[in-house]
Amino acid sequence: MSSGVLIVGIGGTPRSGSSTERALVHALSVAEGAGARTRLFGGEFLERLPHFNPGPAGPSTEQAELAKAVCQADGIILATPGYHGSLSGVVKNALDTLELTRDDARPYFHGLPVGIIITADGAQAGGTTLMAVRGIIHAMRGWPTPYGAALNAARLFDEAGAFREARDAGQVATVADQVMEFAQMRRAQTGAKASV
């Protein structure tokens, strides 16, 4: 039975086939397996986003598309490489773009479960980036899932595109499962309130 929830994935790098985007796609496929509809805003899309500028010109087509999808979402999965202890510029720009939602009935990530996937070449970069992204999610009024995946990007996938280690696949699946669980609970709660 389909849950009907929409899970939006945001992340990746401009490099085609990046390990970050592959991990995000895997997480979205886990959510789809649990009945979700999904929408991916991967590295190619993020690279096309103009630098966020709240000036009078108004949003670009891509900026409006991202903001609308987040407003419709029941849950979010963010995936970023750990660059110098924090998230990448293209992912941060996407999050800055969501300032477009500030005056909406549900601004930013208000009330949404947000799962986090970090890929980095070292444990320190993974840990500091995970904490930085959690702080941003709190600032955007979202609910970071209890579990965040911090993956060692070196040799993460095999030649066929599968995870080399079951534990890495398990981390990503746990993030997706928790986003789904909270999104479904939130949907059930808001549905119950609407019927009262």
N, C-alpha and C. Protein backbone atom coordinates (compact mmCIF):
# COMPACT_ATOMS: atom_id res chain seq x y z
N MET A 1 0.85 -1.19 0.00
CA MET A 1 0.00 0.00 0.00
C MET A 1 0.88 1.24 0.00
N SER A 2 0.62 2.16 -0.90
CA SER A 2 1.44 3.37 -1.00
C SER A 2 1.14 4.32 0.13
N SER A 3 2.20 4.88 0.69
CA SER A 3 2.03 5.85 1.77
C SER A 3 1.60 7.20 1.22
N GLY A 4 1.88 7.43 -0.06
CA GLY A 4 1.55 8.71 -0.66
C GLY A 4 2.49 9.83 -0.30
N VAL A 5 3.50 9.58 0.57
CA VAL A 5 4.39 10.66 0.95
C VAL A 5 5.36 10.97 -0.17
N LEU A 6 5.78 12.23 -0.24
CA LEU A 6 6.75 12.68 -1.22
C LEU A 6 8.06 12.96 -0.49
N ILE A 7 9.12 12.28 -0.90
CA ILE A 7 10.45 12.49 -0.34
C ILE A 7 11.31 13.16 -1.39
N VAL A 8 11.85 14.31 -1.06
CA VAL A 8 12.69 15.08 -1.98
C VAL A 8 14.15 14.90 -1.58
N GLY A 9 14.96 14.50 -2.55
CA GLY A 9 16.39 14.36 -2.34
C GLY A 9 17.13 15.53 -2.94
N ILE A 10 18.01 16.13 -2.16
CA ILE A 10 18.80 17.27 -2.61
C ILE A 10 20.26 16.95 -2.35
N GLY A 11 21.09 16.95 -3.39
CA GLY A 11 22.50 16.73 -3.13
C GLY A 11 23.27 16.18 -4.30
N GLY A 12 24.53 15.99 -4.06
CA GLY A 12 25.42 15.52 -5.09
C GLY A 12 26.51 16.54 -5.34
N THR A 13 27.23 16.35 -6.42
CA THR A 13 28.27 17.30 -6.82
C THR A 13 28.12 17.51 -8.33
N PRO A 14 28.76 18.54 -8.87
CA PRO A 14 28.69 18.73 -10.33
C PRO A 14 29.34 17.60 -11.11
N ARG A 15 30.16 16.79 -10.45
CA ARG A 15 30.81 15.67 -11.15
C ARG A 15 29.80 14.57 -11.41
N SER A 16 29.66 14.17 -12.65
CA SER A 16 28.72 13.12 -13.02
C SER A 16 29.09 11.81 -12.33
N GLY A 17 28.10 11.13 -11.76
CA GLY A 17 28.32 9.84 -11.11
C GLY A 17 29.04 9.94 -9.78
N SER A 18 28.94 11.07 -9.10
CA SER A 18 29.62 11.25 -7.82
C SER A 18 29.11 10.25 -6.78
N SER A 19 29.97 9.89 -5.86
CA SER A 19 29.57 8.96 -4.80
C SER A 19 28.46 9.56 -3.94
N THR A 20 28.47 10.87 -3.77
CA THR A 20 27.43 11.54 -2.98
C THR A 20 26.07 11.35 -3.61
N GLU A 21 25.99 11.60 -4.92
CA GLU A 21 24.70 11.46 -5.60
C GLU A 21 24.28 10.00 -5.68
N ARG A 22 25.21 9.10 -5.86
CA ARG A 22 24.85 7.67 -5.89
C ARG A 22 24.26 7.23 -4.55
N ALA A 23 24.84 7.69 -3.46
CA ALA A 23 24.31 7.35 -2.13
C ALA A 23 22.91 7.93 -1.96
N LEU A 24 22.69 9.15 -2.45
CA LEU A 24 21.37 9.78 -2.36
C LEU A 24 20.35 9.01 -3.19
N VAL A 25 20.73 8.61 -4.39
CA VAL A 25 19.82 7.83 -5.25
C VAL A 25 19.46 6.51 -4.57
N HIS A 26 20.44 5.89 -3.91
CA HIS A 26 20.15 4.65 -3.18
C HIS A 26 19.13 4.90 -2.07
N ALA A 27 19.31 5.99 -1.33
CA ALA A 27 18.37 6.32 -0.25
C ALA A 27 16.97 6.54 -0.81
N LEU A 28 16.86 7.24 -1.93
CA LEU A 28 15.55 7.47 -2.53
C LEU A 28 14.92 6.17 -3.01
N SER A 29 15.74 5.24 -3.49
CA SER A 29 15.18 3.95 -3.93
C SER A 29 14.66 3.15 -2.74
N VAL A 30 15.32 3.28 -1.59
CA VAL A 30 14.82 2.63 -0.36
C VAL A 30 13.46 3.23 0.00
N ALA A 31 13.34 4.56 -0.08
CA ALA A 31 12.06 5.22 0.22
C ALA A 31 10.98 4.79 -0.76
N GLU A 32 11.34 4.67 -2.03
CA GLU A 32 10.37 4.20 -3.04
C GLU A 32 9.91 2.79 -2.72
N GLY A 33 10.84 1.95 -2.28
CA GLY A 33 10.49 0.58 -1.91
C GLY A 33 9.51 0.52 -0.75
N ALA A 34 9.51 1.59 0.06
CA ALA A 34 8.57 1.67 1.18
C ALA A 34 7.29 2.40 0.80
N GLY A 35 7.13 2.73 -0.48
CA GLY A 35 5.87 3.31 -0.95
C GLY A 35 5.89 4.80 -1.22
N ALA A 36 7.05 5.44 -1.13
CA ALA A 36 7.11 6.89 -1.34
C ALA A 36 7.19 7.24 -2.82
N ARG A 37 6.73 8.43 -3.12
CA ARG A 37 7.07 9.09 -4.38
C ARG A 37 8.35 9.88 -4.09
N THR A 38 9.25 9.98 -5.04
CA THR A 38 10.49 10.69 -4.78
C THR A 38 10.78 11.68 -5.90
N ARG A 39 11.60 12.65 -5.56
CA ARG A 39 12.04 13.67 -6.53
C ARG A 39 13.50 13.96 -6.21
N LEU A 40 14.35 13.88 -7.22
CA LEU A 40 15.79 14.10 -7.06
C LEU A 40 16.21 15.43 -7.65
N PHE A 41 16.91 16.22 -6.84
CA PHE A 41 17.60 17.41 -7.30
C PHE A 41 19.09 17.14 -7.12
N GLY A 42 19.68 16.53 -8.15
CA GLY A 42 21.06 16.07 -8.07
C GLY A 42 22.06 17.13 -8.50
N GLY A 43 23.31 16.69 -8.64
CA GLY A 43 24.40 17.60 -8.92
C GLY A 43 24.23 18.43 -10.17
N GLU A 44 23.73 17.82 -11.24
CA GLU A 44 23.55 18.56 -12.50
C GLU A 44 22.55 19.69 -12.31
N PHE A 45 21.46 19.41 -11.60
CA PHE A 45 20.47 20.46 -11.32
C PHE A 45 21.07 21.54 -10.42
N LEU A 46 21.76 21.13 -9.36
CA LEU A 46 22.32 22.09 -8.41
C LEU A 46 23.34 23.00 -9.08
N GLU A 47 24.08 22.47 -10.04
CA GLU A 47 25.06 23.30 -10.74
C GLU A 47 24.39 24.38 -11.58
N ARG A 48 23.17 24.11 -12.05
CA ARG A 48 22.44 25.10 -12.85
C ARG A 48 21.78 26.19 -12.00
N LEU A 49 21.64 25.96 -10.71
CA LEU A 49 21.02 26.97 -9.86
C LEU A 49 21.90 28.21 -9.81
N PRO A 50 21.33 29.38 -10.10
CA PRO A 50 22.15 30.59 -9.93
C PRO A 50 22.45 30.82 -8.45
N HIS A 51 23.53 31.56 -8.19
CA HIS A 51 23.78 31.94 -6.80
C HIS A 51 22.57 32.68 -6.28
N PHE A 52 22.14 32.31 -5.07
CA PHE A 52 20.92 32.91 -4.54
C PHE A 52 21.13 34.41 -4.32
N ASN A 53 20.21 35.19 -4.86
CA ASN A 53 20.23 36.64 -4.72
C ASN A 53 18.79 37.08 -4.52
N PRO A 54 18.48 37.55 -3.32
CA PRO A 54 17.08 37.93 -3.05
C PRO A 54 16.67 39.26 -3.66
N GLY A 55 17.31 39.66 -4.73
CA GLY A 55 17.02 40.94 -5.35
C GLY A 55 15.70 40.97 -6.10
N PRO A 56 15.41 42.09 -6.74
CA PRO A 56 14.09 42.29 -7.36
C PRO A 56 13.86 41.49 -8.64
N ALA A 57 14.89 40.85 -9.18
CA ALA A 57 14.72 40.12 -10.45
C ALA A 57 13.79 38.92 -10.31
N GLY A 58 13.64 38.41 -9.10
CA GLY A 58 12.79 37.24 -8.89
C GLY A 58 13.54 35.95 -9.14
N PRO A 59 12.94 34.83 -8.75
CA PRO A 59 13.64 33.56 -8.87
C PRO A 59 13.73 33.07 -10.31
N SER A 60 14.77 32.30 -10.58
CA SER A 60 14.88 31.62 -11.87
C SER A 60 13.90 30.45 -11.90
N THR A 61 13.74 29.85 -13.06
CA THR A 61 12.86 28.69 -13.20
C THR A 61 13.31 27.57 -12.27
N GLU A 62 14.63 27.32 -12.22
CA GLU A 62 15.16 26.24 -11.36
C GLU A 62 14.95 26.56 -9.88
N GLN A 63 15.17 27.79 -9.50
CA GLN A 63 14.98 28.17 -8.10
C GLN A 63 13.52 27.98 -7.68
N ALA A 64 12.59 28.40 -8.53
CA ALA A 64 11.17 28.24 -8.22
C ALA A 64 10.79 26.77 -8.17
N GLU A 65 11.37 25.96 -9.05
CA GLU A 65 11.08 24.52 -9.08
C GLU A 65 11.53 23.84 -7.78
N LEU A 66 12.72 24.18 -7.31
CA LEU A 66 13.23 23.60 -6.06
C LEU A 66 12.36 24.02 -4.88
N ALA A 67 12.05 25.30 -4.80
CA ALA A 67 11.24 25.80 -3.68
C ALA A 67 9.86 25.14 -3.67
N LYS A 68 9.24 24.99 -4.82
CA LYS A 68 7.92 24.37 -4.90
C LYS A 68 7.96 22.91 -4.45
N ALA A 69 8.99 22.18 -4.89
CA ALA A 69 9.10 20.77 -4.51
C ALA A 69 9.26 20.61 -3.01
N VAL A 70 10.07 21.47 -2.39
CA VAL A 70 10.25 21.38 -0.94
C VAL A 70 8.96 21.73 -0.22
N CYS A 71 8.21 22.69 -0.73
CA CYS A 71 6.92 23.04 -0.11
C CYS A 71 5.93 21.88 -0.18
N GLN A 72 6.04 21.03 -1.19
CA GLN A 72 5.13 19.90 -1.35
C GLN A 72 5.62 18.64 -0.62
N ALA A 73 6.87 18.65 -0.18
CA ALA A 73 7.49 17.44 0.38
C ALA A 73 6.95 17.07 1.75
N ASP A 74 6.99 15.77 2.01
CA ASP A 74 6.70 15.24 3.35
C ASP A 74 7.98 14.90 4.09
N GLY A 75 9.09 14.86 3.38
CA GLY A 75 10.38 14.56 3.98
C GLY A 75 11.49 14.90 3.00
N ILE A 76 12.67 15.12 3.54
CA ILE A 76 13.82 15.54 2.74
C ILE A 76 15.00 14.62 3.06
N ILE A 77 15.79 14.31 2.05
CA ILE A 77 17.08 13.67 2.27
C ILE A 77 18.14 14.55 1.63
N LEU A 78 19.08 15.03 2.45
CA LEU A 78 20.18 15.86 1.97
C LEU A 78 21.43 15.02 1.88
N ALA A 79 22.19 15.20 0.80
CA ALA A 79 23.46 14.50 0.66
C ALA A 79 24.52 15.49 0.19
N THR A 80 25.62 15.54 0.91
CA THR A 80 26.70 16.46 0.54
C THR A 80 28.05 15.83 0.80
N PRO A 81 29.04 16.17 -0.04
CA PRO A 81 30.39 15.79 0.33
C PRO A 81 30.86 16.68 1.48
N GLY A 82 31.79 16.19 2.26
CA GLY A 82 32.41 17.00 3.30
C GLY A 82 33.62 17.70 2.72
N TYR A 83 33.51 19.00 2.53
CA TYR A 83 34.63 19.79 2.01
C TYR A 83 35.16 20.67 3.12
N HIS A 84 36.38 20.44 3.54
CA HIS A 84 37.04 21.28 4.55
C HIS A 84 36.20 21.43 5.81
N GLY A 85 35.58 20.33 6.21
CA GLY A 85 34.83 20.32 7.46
C GLY A 85 33.41 20.81 7.36
N SER A 86 32.90 21.04 6.16
CA SER A 86 31.53 21.52 6.04
C SER A 86 30.94 21.06 4.72
N LEU A 87 29.71 21.50 4.44
CA LEU A 87 29.02 21.08 3.24
C LEU A 87 29.55 21.81 2.01
N SER A 88 29.23 21.27 0.84
CA SER A 88 29.71 21.85 -0.41
C SER A 88 28.95 23.13 -0.74
N GLY A 89 29.56 23.94 -1.61
CA GLY A 89 28.93 25.20 -2.01
C GLY A 89 27.64 25.01 -2.78
N VAL A 90 27.57 23.99 -3.66
CA VAL A 90 26.34 23.83 -4.45
C VAL A 90 25.18 23.41 -3.56
N VAL A 91 25.44 22.59 -2.55
CA VAL A 91 24.37 22.19 -1.64
C VAL A 91 23.96 23.37 -0.76
N LYS A 92 24.93 24.13 -0.27
CA LYS A 92 24.60 25.31 0.55
C LYS A 92 23.80 26.31 -0.27
N ASN A 93 24.14 26.51 -1.54
CA ASN A 93 23.38 27.42 -2.38
C ASN A 93 21.94 26.96 -2.55
N ALA A 94 21.73 25.64 -2.67
CA ALA A 94 20.37 25.11 -2.77
C ALA A 94 19.58 25.42 -1.49
N LEU A 95 20.24 25.26 -0.35
CA LEU A 95 19.57 25.56 0.92
C LEU A 95 19.30 27.06 1.04
N ASP A 96 20.25 27.89 0.61
CA ASP A 96 20.02 29.33 0.62
C ASP A 96 18.84 29.70 -0.26
N THR A 97 18.68 29.00 -1.38
CA THR A 97 17.58 29.25 -2.30
C THR A 97 16.23 29.09 -1.62
N LEU A 98 16.16 28.23 -0.62
CA LEU A 98 14.89 27.99 0.07
C LEU A 98 14.44 29.18 0.92
N GLU A 99 15.24 30.24 0.93
CA GLU A 99 14.79 31.50 1.52
C GLU A 99 13.55 32.01 0.77
N LEU A 100 13.38 31.53 -0.46
CA LEU A 100 12.18 31.88 -1.23
C LEU A 100 10.90 31.44 -0.53
N THR A 101 10.99 30.48 0.37
CA THR A 101 9.80 29.95 1.05
C THR A 101 9.50 30.66 2.37
N ARG A 102 10.27 31.66 2.70
CA ARG A 102 10.17 32.27 4.04
C ARG A 102 8.77 32.75 4.41
N ASP A 103 7.99 33.20 3.45
CA ASP A 103 6.65 33.72 3.74
C ASP A 103 5.54 32.71 3.46
N ASP A 104 5.92 31.47 3.14
CA ASP A 104 4.93 30.43 2.89
C ASP A 104 4.28 29.98 4.19
N ALA A 105 3.14 29.29 4.08
CA ALA A 105 2.47 28.75 5.26
C ALA A 105 3.38 27.78 6.01
N ARG A 106 4.19 27.04 5.27
CA ARG A 106 5.17 26.15 5.89
C ARG A 106 6.54 26.51 5.31
N PRO A 107 7.25 27.45 5.95
CA PRO A 107 8.52 27.91 5.39
C PRO A 107 9.66 26.92 5.59
N TYR A 108 10.65 27.01 4.73
CA TYR A 108 11.89 26.24 4.86
C TYR A 108 11.60 24.74 4.98
N PHE A 109 12.12 24.11 6.05
CA PHE A 109 11.86 22.68 6.33
C PHE A 109 10.92 22.53 7.52
N HIS A 110 10.11 23.53 7.78
CA HIS A 110 9.28 23.55 8.99
C HIS A 110 8.51 22.23 9.18
N GLY A 111 8.81 21.55 10.28
CA GLY A 111 8.10 20.32 10.63
C GLY A 111 8.46 19.10 9.83
N LEU A 112 9.41 19.19 8.91
CA LEU A 112 9.75 18.04 8.05
C LEU A 112 10.90 17.23 8.63
N PRO A 113 10.83 15.89 8.49
CA PRO A 113 12.00 15.08 8.81
C PRO A 113 13.03 15.26 7.71
N VAL A 114 14.28 15.43 8.11
CA VAL A 114 15.37 15.63 7.15
C VAL A 114 16.49 14.65 7.47
N GLY A 115 16.75 13.75 6.53
CA GLY A 115 17.84 12.80 6.68
C GLY A 115 19.11 13.36 6.06
N ILE A 116 20.25 12.94 6.59
CA ILE A 116 21.53 13.48 6.15
C ILE A 116 22.46 12.36 5.74
N ILE A 117 23.09 12.53 4.57
CA ILE A 117 24.13 11.62 4.10
C ILE A 117 25.36 12.46 3.79
N ILE A 118 26.48 12.12 4.41
CA ILE A 118 27.74 12.80 4.18
C ILE A 118 28.71 11.81 3.55
N THR A 119 29.41 12.22 2.50
CA THR A 119 30.51 11.43 1.97
C THR A 119 31.78 12.26 2.12
N ALA A 120 32.81 11.65 2.66
CA ALA A 120 34.07 12.37 2.88
C ALA A 120 35.21 11.38 2.86
N ASP A 121 36.40 11.88 2.60
CA ASP A 121 37.58 11.01 2.56
C ASP A 121 38.15 10.71 3.94
N GLY A 122 37.60 11.30 4.97
CA GLY A 122 38.10 11.03 6.31
C GLY A 122 37.01 11.15 7.36
N ALA A 123 37.22 10.50 8.49
CA ALA A 123 36.22 10.49 9.56
C ALA A 123 35.99 11.89 10.13
N GLN A 124 37.06 12.68 10.26
CA GLN A 124 36.91 14.01 10.82
C GLN A 124 36.02 14.89 9.95
N ALA A 125 36.27 14.87 8.64
CA ALA A 125 35.44 15.68 7.72
C ALA A 125 34.00 15.21 7.75
N GLY A 126 33.78 13.90 7.83
CA GLY A 126 32.41 13.38 7.89
C GLY A 126 31.69 13.85 9.14
N GLY A 127 32.36 13.77 10.28
CA GLY A 127 31.74 14.16 11.55
C GLY A 127 31.44 15.64 11.64
N THR A 128 32.40 16.48 11.24
CA THR A 128 32.17 17.92 11.34
C THR A 128 31.11 18.38 10.34
N THR A 129 31.10 17.78 9.16
CA THR A 129 30.08 18.14 8.17
C THR A 129 28.69 17.73 8.64
N LEU A 130 28.60 16.55 9.23
CA LEU A 130 27.31 16.08 9.76
C LEU A 130 26.77 17.07 10.80
N MET A 131 27.63 17.53 11.69
CA MET A 131 27.19 18.48 12.72
C MET A 131 26.80 19.83 12.09
N ALA A 132 27.56 20.27 11.08
CA ALA A 132 27.23 21.53 10.42
C ALA A 132 25.86 21.46 9.74
N VAL A 133 25.60 20.35 9.05
CA VAL A 133 24.32 20.21 8.36
C VAL A 133 23.17 20.10 9.36
N ARG A 134 23.39 19.39 10.46
CA ARG A 134 22.34 19.32 11.50
C ARG A 134 21.99 20.73 12.00
N GLY A 135 23.01 21.57 12.20
CA GLY A 135 22.77 22.94 12.66
C GLY A 135 21.94 23.73 11.65
N ILE A 136 22.24 23.55 10.38
CA ILE A 136 21.49 24.25 9.34
C ILE A 136 20.03 23.78 9.32
N ILE A 137 19.82 22.48 9.45
CA ILE A 137 18.45 21.95 9.46
C ILE A 137 17.66 22.53 10.62
N HIS A 138 18.28 22.61 11.80
CA HIS A 138 17.60 23.23 12.94
C HIS A 138 17.24 24.68 12.63
N ALA A 139 18.18 25.42 12.03
CA ALA A 139 17.92 26.82 11.69
C ALA A 139 16.78 26.95 10.69
N MET A 140 16.61 25.92 9.86
CA MET A 140 15.55 25.93 8.86
C MET A 140 14.27 25.25 9.37
N ARG A 141 14.20 25.03 10.68
CA ARG A 141 13.01 24.52 11.38
C ARG A 141 12.67 23.06 11.04
N GLY A 142 13.66 22.32 10.55
CA GLY A 142 13.45 20.92 10.24
C GLY A 142 13.81 20.03 11.41
N TRP A 143 13.49 18.75 11.25
CA TRP A 143 13.77 17.73 12.27
C TRP A 143 14.82 16.76 11.71
N PRO A 144 16.10 16.95 12.07
CA PRO A 144 17.10 15.98 11.59
C PRO A 144 16.78 14.60 12.15
N THR A 145 16.86 13.60 11.31
CA THR A 145 16.62 12.24 11.79
C THR A 145 17.67 11.88 12.84
N PRO A 146 17.32 10.99 13.77
CA PRO A 146 18.30 10.61 14.80
C PRO A 146 19.59 10.06 14.20
N TYR A 147 19.47 9.34 13.09
CA TYR A 147 20.66 8.75 12.48
C TYR A 147 21.08 9.55 11.26
N GLY A 148 22.35 9.85 11.17
CA GLY A 148 22.93 10.49 9.99
C GLY A 148 24.06 9.62 9.48
N ALA A 149 24.12 9.41 8.18
CA ALA A 149 25.15 8.55 7.59
C ALA A 149 26.38 9.37 7.23
N ALA A 150 27.52 8.99 7.79
CA ALA A 150 28.80 9.60 7.44
C ALA A 150 29.64 8.50 6.80
N LEU A 151 29.80 8.58 5.49
CA LEU A 151 30.42 7.51 4.71
C LEU A 151 31.81 7.89 4.25
N ASN A 152 32.72 6.93 4.26
CA ASN A 152 34.05 7.13 3.73
C ASN A 152 33.96 7.00 2.21
N ALA A 153 34.21 8.10 1.51
CA ALA A 153 34.00 8.14 0.06
C ALA A 153 35.01 7.29 -0.72
N ALA A 154 36.14 7.00 -0.11
CA ALA A 154 37.17 6.22 -0.81
C ALA A 154 36.66 4.79 -1.04
N ARG A 155 36.56 4.41 -2.30
CA ARG A 155 36.14 3.06 -2.67
C ARG A 155 34.77 2.69 -2.08
N LEU A 156 33.85 3.62 -2.11
CA LEU A 156 32.52 3.40 -1.55
C LEU A 156 31.69 2.46 -2.42
N PHE A 157 31.83 2.58 -3.75
CA PHE A 157 31.05 1.78 -4.69
C PHE A 157 31.96 0.91 -5.54
N ASP A 158 31.41 -0.24 -5.97
CA ASP A 158 32.17 -1.09 -6.88
C ASP A 158 31.93 -0.66 -8.33
N GLU A 159 32.53 -1.39 -9.27
CA GLU A 159 32.45 -1.02 -10.68
C GLU A 159 31.01 -1.08 -11.21
N ALA A 160 30.18 -1.91 -10.60
CA ALA A 160 28.78 -2.03 -11.01
C ALA A 160 27.88 -0.97 -10.38
N GLY A 161 28.44 -0.15 -9.49
CA GLY A 161 27.66 0.90 -8.85
C GLY A 161 27.01 0.50 -7.54
N ALA A 162 27.34 -0.69 -7.02
CA ALA A 162 26.78 -1.16 -5.75
C ALA A 162 27.74 -0.81 -4.61
N PHE A 163 27.19 -0.68 -3.41
CA PHE A 163 28.04 -0.46 -2.24
C PHE A 163 28.99 -1.63 -2.07
N ARG A 164 30.24 -1.34 -1.79
CA ARG A 164 31.21 -2.41 -1.52
C ARG A 164 30.94 -3.07 -0.17
N GLU A 165 30.50 -2.29 0.79
CA GLU A 165 30.31 -2.77 2.16
C GLU A 165 28.83 -2.71 2.55
N ALA A 166 28.35 -3.80 3.12
CA ALA A 166 26.95 -3.85 3.56
C ALA A 166 26.66 -2.79 4.61
N ARG A 167 27.65 -2.46 5.43
CA ARG A 167 27.40 -1.47 6.49
C ARG A 167 27.10 -0.09 5.90
N ASP A 168 27.73 0.24 4.75
CA ASP A 168 27.45 1.53 4.13
C ASP A 168 26.04 1.57 3.54
N ALA A 169 25.66 0.49 2.88
CA ALA A 169 24.28 0.40 2.37
C ALA A 169 23.29 0.47 3.52
N GLY A 170 23.63 -0.15 4.64
CA GLY A 170 22.77 -0.13 5.81
C GLY A 170 22.62 1.25 6.41
N GLN A 171 23.70 2.02 6.42
CA GLN A 171 23.62 3.39 6.94
C GLN A 171 22.66 4.23 6.11
N VAL A 172 22.80 4.13 4.79
CA VAL A 172 21.96 4.91 3.90
C VAL A 172 20.50 4.47 4.01
N ALA A 173 20.27 3.17 4.12
CA ALA A 173 18.91 2.66 4.27
C ALA A 173 18.30 3.13 5.59
N THR A 174 19.10 3.20 6.65
CA THR A 174 18.58 3.67 7.94
C THR A 174 18.12 5.11 7.85
N VAL A 175 18.89 5.95 7.16
CA VAL A 175 18.47 7.35 6.96
C VAL A 175 17.13 7.39 6.23
N ALA A 176 17.02 6.65 5.14
CA ALA A 176 15.78 6.65 4.36
C ALA A 176 14.61 6.10 5.18
N ASP A 177 14.84 5.03 5.92
CA ASP A 177 13.78 4.44 6.74
C ASP A 177 13.28 5.42 7.78
N GLN A 178 14.20 6.15 8.41
CA GLN A 178 13.77 7.10 9.45
C GLN A 178 13.01 8.27 8.85
N VAL A 179 13.45 8.76 7.70
CA VAL A 179 12.70 9.84 7.04
C VAL A 179 11.29 9.34 6.71
N MET A 180 11.19 8.14 6.18
CA MET A 180 9.88 7.58 5.84
C MET A 180 9.00 7.42 7.08
N GLU A 181 9.58 6.89 8.14
CA GLU A 181 8.79 6.66 9.37
C GLU A 181 8.21 7.97 9.89
N PHE A 182 9.04 9.01 9.97
CA PHE A 182 8.57 10.29 10.50
C PHE A 182 7.62 10.97 9.52
N ALA A 183 7.87 10.84 8.21
CA ALA A 183 6.97 11.45 7.22
C ALA A 183 5.59 10.81 7.28
N GLN A 184 5.53 9.50 7.43
CA GLN A 184 4.25 8.80 7.51
C GLN A 184 3.51 9.16 8.80
N MET A 185 4.24 9.27 9.91
CA MET A 185 3.60 9.68 11.16
C MET A 185 3.04 11.09 11.05
N ARG A 186 3.82 11.97 10.43
CA ARG A 186 3.37 13.36 10.27
C ARG A 186 2.14 13.43 9.37
N ARG A 187 2.16 12.65 8.29
CA ARG A 187 1.01 12.61 7.38
C ARG A 187 -0.22 12.10 8.11
N ALA A 188 -0.07 11.04 8.91
CA ALA A 188 -1.21 10.48 9.66
C ALA A 188 -1.73 11.49 10.66
N GLN A 189 -0.84 12.23 11.30
CA GLN A 189 -1.25 13.22 12.29
C GLN A 189 -1.99 14.38 11.63
N THR A 190 -1.45 14.89 10.53
CA THR A 190 -2.12 16.01 9.88
C THR A 190 -3.45 15.58 9.27
N GLY A 191 -3.52 14.33 8.80
CA GLY A 191 -4.79 13.80 8.28
C GLY A 191 -5.83 13.67 9.36
N ALA A 192 -5.38 13.24 10.55
CA ALA A 192 -6.31 13.10 11.67
C ALA A 192 -6.83 14.46 12.11
N LYS A 193 -5.96 15.47 12.13
CA LYS A 193 -6.39 16.81 12.51
C LYS A 193 -7.39 17.39 11.51
N ALA A 194 -7.16 17.09 10.22
CA ALA A 194 -8.05 17.62 9.18
C ALA A 194 -9.44 17.01 9.26
N SER A 195 -9.55 15.78 9.77
CA SER A 195 -10.85 15.11 9.82
C SER A 195 -11.63 15.45 11.10
N VAL A 196 -11.02 16.17 12.03
CA VAL A 196 -11.71 16.51 13.29
C VAL A 196 -12.64 17.68 13.07
